[in-house]
N, C-alpha and C. Protein backbone atom coordinates (compact mmCIF):
# COMPACT_ATOMS: atom_id res chain seq x y z
N MET A 1 104.00 97.43 83.22
CA MET A 1 104.02 98.83 84.59
C MET A 1 102.53 99.15 83.80
N ARG A 2 102.07 99.55 85.45
CA ARG A 2 100.58 100.56 85.30
C ARG A 2 100.80 101.76 86.25
N ALA A 3 100.16 102.51 85.75
CA ALA A 3 100.79 103.89 86.08
C ALA A 3 99.38 104.69 86.30
N VAL A 4 99.25 105.04 87.88
CA VAL A 4 97.88 106.20 87.44
C VAL A 4 99.20 107.78 87.79
N ILE A 5 98.04 108.50 86.93
CA ILE A 5 98.82 109.93 86.90
C ILE A 5 97.64 110.66 87.21
N GLN A 6 97.92 111.93 87.71
CA GLN A 6 97.04 112.83 88.31
C GLN A 6 97.93 113.87 88.04
N ARG A 7 97.10 115.04 87.41
CA ARG A 7 97.69 116.14 87.06
C ARG A 7 97.28 117.50 88.79
N VAL A 8 98.29 117.78 89.12
CA VAL A 8 98.13 118.04 90.46
C VAL A 8 98.77 119.66 90.59
N THR A 9 98.53 120.52 91.48
CA THR A 9 98.99 122.02 91.75
C THR A 9 99.83 121.99 93.25
N GLN A 10 99.77 120.62 94.20
CA GLN A 10 100.82 120.61 94.53
C GLN A 10 100.50 119.02 95.22
N ALA A 11 101.82 118.59 95.44
CA ALA A 11 102.18 116.95 96.02
C ALA A 11 102.59 116.90 96.89
N SER A 12 102.50 116.16 97.88
CA SER A 12 104.00 115.33 98.69
C SER A 12 103.58 114.18 99.57
N CYS A 13 104.81 113.92 99.55
CA CYS A 13 105.02 112.34 100.36
C CYS A 13 105.80 112.63 101.51
N THR A 14 105.06 111.81 102.73
CA THR A 14 105.72 112.17 103.71
C THR A 14 106.14 110.36 104.33
N VAL A 15 106.87 110.51 104.94
CA VAL A 15 107.49 108.91 105.98
C VAL A 15 107.74 109.24 107.36
N ASP A 16 107.32 109.11 107.86
CA ASP A 16 107.70 108.48 109.47
C ASP A 16 107.85 110.55 110.14
N GLY A 17 106.95 111.30 109.27
CA GLY A 17 106.76 112.52 109.58
C GLY A 17 107.69 113.42 108.94
N LYS A 18 108.61 112.89 107.81
CA LYS A 18 109.71 113.63 107.59
C LYS A 18 108.72 113.85 105.56
N ILE A 19 108.85 115.00 104.90
CA ILE A 19 108.83 115.21 103.88
C ILE A 19 109.81 114.70 102.93
N THR A 20 109.43 113.64 102.09
CA THR A 20 110.59 113.17 101.27
C THR A 20 110.60 113.54 99.78
N GLY A 21 109.27 114.21 99.47
CA GLY A 21 109.03 114.62 97.74
C GLY A 21 108.01 115.52 98.09
N LYS A 22 108.51 116.68 97.55
CA LYS A 22 107.10 117.91 97.38
C LYS A 22 107.26 118.82 96.21
N ILE A 23 105.88 118.73 95.41
CA ILE A 23 105.97 119.80 94.28
C ILE A 23 104.96 120.37 94.00
N GLU A 24 104.65 121.49 93.39
CA GLU A 24 103.63 122.36 93.14
C GLU A 24 103.54 122.55 91.44
N ASN A 25 102.57 122.34 90.93
CA ASN A 25 102.17 122.30 89.19
C ASN A 25 103.32 121.22 88.45
N GLY A 26 102.09 120.03 88.24
CA GLY A 26 102.98 119.00 88.00
C GLY A 26 102.14 117.90 87.91
N LEU A 27 102.43 116.49 88.21
CA LEU A 27 102.00 115.22 87.82
C LEU A 27 102.71 114.54 89.18
N LEU A 28 101.29 113.87 90.11
CA LEU A 28 101.53 112.71 90.71
C LEU A 28 101.44 111.15 90.19
N VAL A 29 102.73 110.84 90.38
CA VAL A 29 102.76 109.44 89.16
C VAL A 29 102.67 108.11 90.04
N LEU A 30 101.83 107.60 90.45
CA LEU A 30 101.69 106.12 90.93
C LEU A 30 102.01 105.20 90.35
N ILE A 31 103.09 104.40 90.34
CA ILE A 31 103.45 103.13 89.41
C ILE A 31 103.79 102.03 90.00
N GLY A 32 102.90 101.29 89.45
CA GLY A 32 103.23 99.86 89.78
C GLY A 32 103.99 98.68 88.65
N ILE A 33 104.91 98.04 89.38
CA ILE A 33 106.12 96.88 88.35
C ILE A 33 105.52 95.73 88.43
N GLU A 34 105.33 95.12 87.74
CA GLU A 34 105.47 93.55 87.56
C GLU A 34 106.54 92.85 87.11
N GLU A 35 106.83 92.04 86.95
CA GLU A 35 108.11 90.61 87.08
C GLU A 35 107.78 91.06 85.70
N GLU A 36 107.53 91.15 84.32
CA GLU A 36 107.36 90.74 83.58
C GLU A 36 108.34 92.24 82.60
N ASP A 37 107.97 93.34 83.22
CA ASP A 37 108.67 94.30 83.21
C ASP A 37 110.11 94.57 82.62
N GLY A 38 110.23 95.93 81.70
CA GLY A 38 111.99 95.82 81.84
C GLY A 38 112.36 96.96 80.99
N GLN A 39 113.35 97.46 80.39
CA GLN A 39 113.80 98.96 80.18
C GLN A 39 112.83 99.46 78.76
N GLN A 40 112.28 98.40 78.03
CA GLN A 40 111.50 99.08 77.01
C GLN A 40 109.90 99.90 77.52
N ASP A 41 109.63 99.25 79.03
CA ASP A 41 108.43 99.63 79.40
C ASP A 41 108.66 100.96 80.16
N ILE A 42 110.24 101.14 80.34
CA ILE A 42 110.60 102.02 81.54
C ILE A 42 110.43 103.31 80.20
N GLU A 43 110.65 103.20 78.96
CA GLU A 43 111.17 104.19 78.51
C GLU A 43 110.12 104.55 77.36
N TRP A 44 109.24 103.76 77.77
CA TRP A 44 108.12 104.12 76.60
C TRP A 44 106.91 104.68 77.80
N LEU A 45 106.70 104.27 79.03
CA LEU A 45 106.26 105.36 79.84
C LEU A 45 106.53 106.51 79.88
N SER A 46 107.92 106.41 80.27
CA SER A 46 108.59 107.47 80.34
C SER A 46 108.36 108.82 79.53
N GLN A 47 108.20 108.29 78.16
CA GLN A 47 108.15 109.08 76.85
C GLN A 47 106.51 110.06 77.00
N LYS A 48 105.76 108.98 77.62
CA LYS A 48 104.37 109.08 77.41
C LYS A 48 104.03 110.02 78.59
N LEU A 49 104.71 109.80 79.69
CA LEU A 49 104.49 111.04 81.14
C LEU A 49 104.96 112.38 80.72
N VAL A 50 106.13 112.14 79.92
CA VAL A 50 106.35 113.86 79.33
C VAL A 50 106.42 114.63 78.62
N ASN A 51 105.46 113.78 77.81
CA ASN A 51 104.84 114.36 76.14
C ASN A 51 103.09 114.56 76.68
N LEU A 52 102.83 113.66 77.99
CA LEU A 52 101.12 114.10 77.81
C LEU A 52 101.16 115.27 77.93
N ARG A 53 99.48 115.88 76.69
CA ARG A 53 99.26 116.85 77.02
C ARG A 53 98.22 117.14 77.80
N ILE A 54 98.04 117.01 78.90
CA ILE A 54 97.07 117.24 79.93
C ILE A 54 96.63 119.04 80.76
N PHE A 55 97.97 119.66 80.41
CA PHE A 55 97.74 120.94 81.12
C PHE A 55 97.13 122.04 80.12
N SER A 56 96.62 122.81 81.00
CA SER A 56 95.88 124.00 80.19
C SER A 56 96.62 124.79 79.59
N ASP A 57 96.31 125.46 77.77
CA ASP A 57 96.72 126.47 77.27
C ASP A 57 96.18 127.65 77.89
N GLU A 58 96.47 128.90 77.02
CA GLU A 58 95.79 130.14 77.28
C GLU A 58 94.16 129.84 76.88
N GLN A 59 93.46 129.09 75.83
CA GLN A 59 92.43 128.99 75.63
C GLN A 59 91.39 128.06 77.21
N GLY A 60 92.36 127.60 77.72
CA GLY A 60 91.84 126.65 78.66
C GLY A 60 91.46 124.59 78.33
N LEU A 61 92.18 124.78 77.13
CA LEU A 61 92.02 123.35 76.60
C LEU A 61 93.38 122.36 76.83
N MET A 62 93.23 121.47 76.90
CA MET A 62 94.56 120.47 77.53
C MET A 62 95.13 120.07 76.16
N ASN A 63 96.30 121.05 75.81
CA ASN A 63 97.20 121.22 74.78
C ASN A 63 98.94 121.37 75.48
N LYS A 64 98.90 121.42 76.71
CA LYS A 64 100.40 122.08 77.36
C LYS A 64 100.95 120.34 78.02
N SER A 65 102.48 120.00 77.91
CA SER A 65 102.64 119.18 77.92
C SER A 65 103.43 119.17 79.55
N ILE A 66 104.32 118.29 80.60
CA ILE A 66 104.51 119.09 81.64
C ILE A 66 106.22 119.87 81.06
N GLN A 67 106.76 119.11 80.33
CA GLN A 67 107.43 120.08 79.49
C GLN A 67 107.43 121.32 79.20
N ASP A 68 106.10 121.30 78.38
CA ASP A 68 105.88 123.05 77.97
C ASP A 68 105.39 124.10 79.12
N ILE A 69 105.09 123.28 80.30
CA ILE A 69 104.74 124.10 81.80
C ILE A 69 105.81 124.12 82.79
N ASP A 70 107.08 123.77 82.31
CA ASP A 70 107.93 123.70 83.38
C ASP A 70 107.94 122.55 84.77
N GLY A 71 106.82 121.76 84.40
CA GLY A 71 106.28 121.45 85.76
C GLY A 71 107.33 120.40 86.52
N ASN A 72 106.29 119.76 87.39
CA ASN A 72 107.26 118.55 88.08
C ASN A 72 106.74 117.61 88.24
N ILE A 73 107.53 116.33 88.81
CA ILE A 73 106.90 115.01 89.10
C ILE A 73 106.96 114.60 90.45
N LEU A 74 105.84 114.31 90.95
CA LEU A 74 106.29 113.32 92.24
C LEU A 74 105.94 111.66 92.13
N PHE A 75 107.07 111.17 92.52
CA PHE A 75 106.92 109.70 91.28
C PHE A 75 106.74 108.49 92.30
N ILE A 76 106.13 107.83 93.11
CA ILE A 76 105.19 107.43 94.02
C ILE A 76 105.27 105.74 93.44
N SER A 77 106.14 104.54 94.18
CA SER A 77 106.07 103.40 94.24
C SER A 77 104.84 102.63 94.74
N GLN A 78 103.92 101.90 93.91
CA GLN A 78 102.78 101.76 94.58
C GLN A 78 102.38 100.30 94.03
N PHE A 79 103.26 99.12 94.95
CA PHE A 79 102.67 97.61 94.20
C PHE A 79 101.12 97.43 94.17
N THR A 80 100.06 98.07 95.38
CA THR A 80 99.01 97.65 95.28
C THR A 80 97.95 97.97 93.81
N LEU A 81 98.77 98.77 92.76
CA LEU A 81 98.17 98.84 91.54
C LEU A 81 98.31 97.53 90.69
N PHE A 82 98.80 96.21 91.10
CA PHE A 82 98.66 94.96 90.64
C PHE A 82 97.79 94.08 91.58
N ALA A 83 97.01 94.85 92.23
CA ALA A 83 95.98 93.95 92.84
C ALA A 83 94.91 93.21 91.98
N GLN A 84 94.79 92.11 92.57
CA GLN A 84 93.74 90.96 91.75
C GLN A 84 92.66 90.95 93.02
N THR A 85 91.10 91.13 92.57
CA THR A 85 90.15 91.16 93.71
C THR A 85 88.83 89.62 93.09
N LYS A 86 89.63 89.14 92.28
CA LYS A 86 88.26 88.20 92.00
C LYS A 86 88.02 87.15 92.64
N LYS A 87 89.03 86.73 93.41
CA LYS A 87 88.34 85.66 94.20
C LYS A 87 88.83 86.38 96.27
N GLY A 88 87.45 86.27 96.60
CA GLY A 88 87.47 86.83 97.61
C GLY A 88 87.56 88.05 98.01
N ASN A 89 87.42 88.38 99.07
CA ASN A 89 87.64 89.95 99.57
C ASN A 89 88.79 90.46 99.82
N ARG A 90 89.93 89.20 99.86
CA ARG A 90 91.44 90.16 100.43
C ARG A 90 92.15 89.95 98.89
N PRO A 91 92.68 91.11 98.34
CA PRO A 91 93.42 91.00 97.03
C PRO A 91 94.71 90.49 97.77
N SER A 92 95.05 89.93 96.39
CA SER A 92 95.74 89.22 96.19
C SER A 92 97.16 90.10 95.24
N PHE A 93 98.54 90.40 95.41
CA PHE A 93 99.53 91.08 94.78
C PHE A 93 100.36 90.44 94.31
N ILE A 94 100.12 88.90 93.82
CA ILE A 94 101.23 88.07 93.09
C ILE A 94 101.61 88.69 92.09
N ARG A 95 101.35 89.45 91.19
CA ARG A 95 101.40 89.88 89.65
C ARG A 95 102.62 91.22 90.02
N ALA A 96 102.47 91.87 91.08
CA ALA A 96 103.52 92.60 91.56
C ALA A 96 104.77 92.03 91.55
N ALA A 97 106.03 92.58 90.91
CA ALA A 97 107.21 92.76 90.73
C ALA A 97 107.84 92.42 92.67
N LYS A 98 108.21 91.83 92.58
CA LYS A 98 109.02 91.45 94.10
C LYS A 98 110.17 92.64 94.49
N PRO A 99 109.97 92.98 95.58
CA PRO A 99 111.28 94.23 95.75
C PRO A 99 112.34 94.16 95.46
N GLY A 100 113.30 93.02 94.89
CA GLY A 100 114.45 92.87 94.43
C GLY A 100 114.67 93.24 92.75
N LYS A 101 113.10 93.35 92.51
CA LYS A 101 113.00 93.69 90.98
C LYS A 101 112.64 94.80 90.96
N ALA A 102 111.67 95.13 91.65
CA ALA A 102 110.69 96.53 91.48
C ALA A 102 111.46 97.74 91.94
N GLU A 103 112.20 97.70 93.15
CA GLU A 103 112.99 99.00 93.35
C GLU A 103 114.17 99.54 92.47
N PRO A 104 114.68 98.53 92.07
CA PRO A 104 115.77 99.12 91.11
C PRO A 104 115.06 99.68 89.53
N MET A 105 113.99 98.94 88.87
CA MET A 105 113.28 99.88 88.00
C MET A 105 112.81 101.05 88.53
N TYR A 106 112.42 101.23 89.68
CA TYR A 106 111.82 102.52 90.15
C TYR A 106 112.53 103.42 89.88
N LEU A 107 113.14 103.19 90.74
CA LEU A 107 114.74 104.10 90.63
C LEU A 107 115.06 104.07 89.33
N GLU A 108 115.66 103.17 88.28
CA GLU A 108 115.94 103.52 87.17
C GLU A 108 114.69 104.62 86.03
N MET A 109 113.88 104.15 86.28
CA MET A 109 112.60 105.01 85.57
C MET A 109 112.76 106.52 85.90
N ALA A 110 112.63 106.57 87.52
CA ALA A 110 113.32 108.05 87.66
C ALA A 110 114.23 108.71 87.69
N LYS A 111 115.25 108.01 86.95
CA LYS A 111 116.53 108.81 86.92
C LYS A 111 116.07 109.12 85.23
N HIS A 112 115.30 108.11 84.70
CA HIS A 112 114.97 108.37 82.70
C HIS A 112 113.99 109.34 82.84
N LEU A 113 113.44 109.77 83.95
CA LEU A 113 112.23 110.85 83.47
C LEU A 113 113.08 112.11 84.04
N SER A 114 114.05 112.20 85.39
CA SER A 114 114.61 113.64 85.48
C SER A 114 115.20 114.14 84.34
N LEU A 115 116.12 112.80 83.20
CA LEU A 115 117.09 113.21 82.32
C LEU A 115 116.17 113.69 81.15
N LEU A 116 114.72 113.19 81.33
CA LEU A 116 113.59 113.90 79.91
C LEU A 116 113.64 115.14 80.32
N LEU A 117 113.01 115.32 81.39
CA LEU A 117 112.35 116.82 82.05
C LEU A 117 113.60 117.99 82.21
N ASN A 118 114.89 116.95 82.41
CA ASN A 118 116.19 118.08 82.83
C ASN A 118 116.09 118.65 84.28
N LYS A 119 115.31 118.32 85.37
CA LYS A 119 115.16 118.40 86.19
C LYS A 119 114.65 117.10 87.24
N GLU A 120 115.57 117.39 89.08
CA GLU A 120 115.12 116.33 89.75
C GLU A 120 113.78 115.72 89.58
N VAL A 121 112.95 114.20 89.97
CA VAL A 121 111.87 114.22 89.93
C VAL A 121 112.09 113.83 91.35
N GLN A 122 111.02 113.91 92.05
CA GLN A 122 110.90 114.13 93.64
C GLN A 122 110.27 112.63 93.83
N LEU A 123 110.30 111.96 94.67
CA LEU A 123 110.32 110.76 95.24
C LEU A 123 109.80 110.30 96.32
N GLY A 124 108.94 109.28 96.43
CA GLY A 124 108.65 108.57 98.08
C GLY A 124 110.22 107.74 98.44
N ILE A 125 109.82 106.98 99.29
CA ILE A 125 110.57 105.83 99.30
C ILE A 125 109.89 104.64 98.98
N PHE A 126 110.56 103.90 98.46
CA PHE A 126 110.34 102.36 98.29
C PHE A 126 109.83 101.65 99.30
N GLY A 127 108.95 101.04 99.43
CA GLY A 127 108.61 100.06 100.12
C GLY A 127 107.88 100.55 101.85
N ALA A 128 108.45 102.03 101.52
CA ALA A 128 107.94 102.68 103.12
C ALA A 128 106.23 103.15 103.13
N ASP A 129 105.87 103.30 104.67
CA ASP A 129 104.33 103.60 104.84
C ASP A 129 104.27 104.77 104.61
N MET A 130 103.90 105.28 103.23
CA MET A 130 104.42 106.81 102.63
C MET A 130 102.82 107.08 103.04
N LYS A 131 102.70 108.50 103.14
CA LYS A 131 101.28 109.39 103.59
C LYS A 131 101.53 110.54 102.27
N ILE A 132 100.54 110.02 101.05
CA ILE A 132 100.48 111.20 99.97
C ILE A 132 99.53 112.36 100.21
N ASP A 133 99.87 113.53 99.73
CA ASP A 133 98.80 114.78 100.41
C ASP A 133 99.04 115.74 98.59
N LEU A 134 97.85 115.59 98.57
CA LEU A 134 97.54 115.87 96.80
C LEU A 134 96.60 117.06 97.11
N LEU A 135 96.56 117.92 95.82
CA LEU A 135 95.43 118.57 95.62
C LEU A 135 95.52 117.97 93.81
N ASN A 136 94.50 117.44 93.71
CA ASN A 136 93.79 116.91 92.05
C ASN A 136 93.52 118.90 91.36
N ASP A 137 94.13 118.56 90.59
CA ASP A 137 93.80 119.53 89.42
C ASP A 137 92.81 119.70 88.22
N GLY A 138 92.12 119.87 88.23
CA GLY A 138 90.56 119.51 87.39
C GLY A 138 89.40 118.48 87.70
N PRO A 139 89.32 117.64 88.09
CA PRO A 139 90.62 116.82 88.62
C PRO A 139 90.98 116.09 87.28
N VAL A 140 92.07 115.73 86.99
CA VAL A 140 92.58 114.87 85.89
C VAL A 140 93.46 113.70 86.50
N THR A 141 92.92 112.83 86.24
CA THR A 141 93.54 111.18 86.49
C THR A 141 92.86 110.36 85.45
N ILE A 142 94.43 110.08 84.83
CA ILE A 142 94.57 109.43 83.80
C ILE A 142 95.53 107.66 84.25
N MET A 143 94.59 106.91 84.03
CA MET A 143 95.65 105.63 83.63
C MET A 143 96.25 104.81 82.35
N MET A 144 97.95 104.03 82.70
CA MET A 144 97.88 103.64 81.72
C MET A 144 98.94 102.06 82.25
N ASN A 145 98.47 101.70 80.93
CA ASN A 145 99.25 100.25 81.48
C ASN A 145 100.26 99.81 80.17
N THR A 146 101.30 99.53 80.27
CA THR A 146 102.70 99.22 79.30
C THR A 146 102.12 97.82 78.27
N LYS A 147 101.51 97.20 79.46
CA LYS A 147 101.30 96.02 78.16
C LYS A 147 99.94 95.94 77.65
N ASP A 148 99.14 97.48 77.83
CA ASP A 148 98.31 97.60 76.75
C ASP A 148 98.35 98.78 76.42
N LYS A 149 99.22 98.53 75.69
CA LYS A 149 100.00 100.03 74.69
C LYS A 149 98.65 100.75 73.45
N ASP A 150 97.61 99.50 73.02
CA ASP A 150 96.82 99.98 71.64
C ASP A 150 95.93 100.73 72.31
N ASN A 151 95.61 100.61 73.50
CA ASN A 151 94.59 101.69 74.27
C ASN A 151 95.31 102.90 75.32
N TYR A 152 96.32 103.00 75.01
CA TYR A 152 97.13 104.08 75.67
C TYR A 152 97.90 105.20 74.69
């Protein structure tokens, strides 16, 4: 799994003119799933997300987690995180999991995050043409890859 995590003061997802998910103060998480991903990836990345200390404390230092600030998550599936651009100018997405595998994993991870946070995680719509609106706070943007845990 690959994730792009952005600390936001607000974020929303709109599909066909209708808001499907909206948050204030929290994380916008873009998630890419590949065929080899499994339950261990969901559990590891979910724990990292809810414990990641990237919110400011009283001294302005990044010492608080999303749990500490009672923040929210907007969770968006994004297969393009597995784009391969080595050959030619048109990206290849062959490493991204097929929808039959990716969608259940996306929904399972959203459920897992909701349990860890003890609140509902806001979602996009899997496979839809989504419009994401956000106000990045900081800006703080972090990338993670469950296949490269030593560096994350």
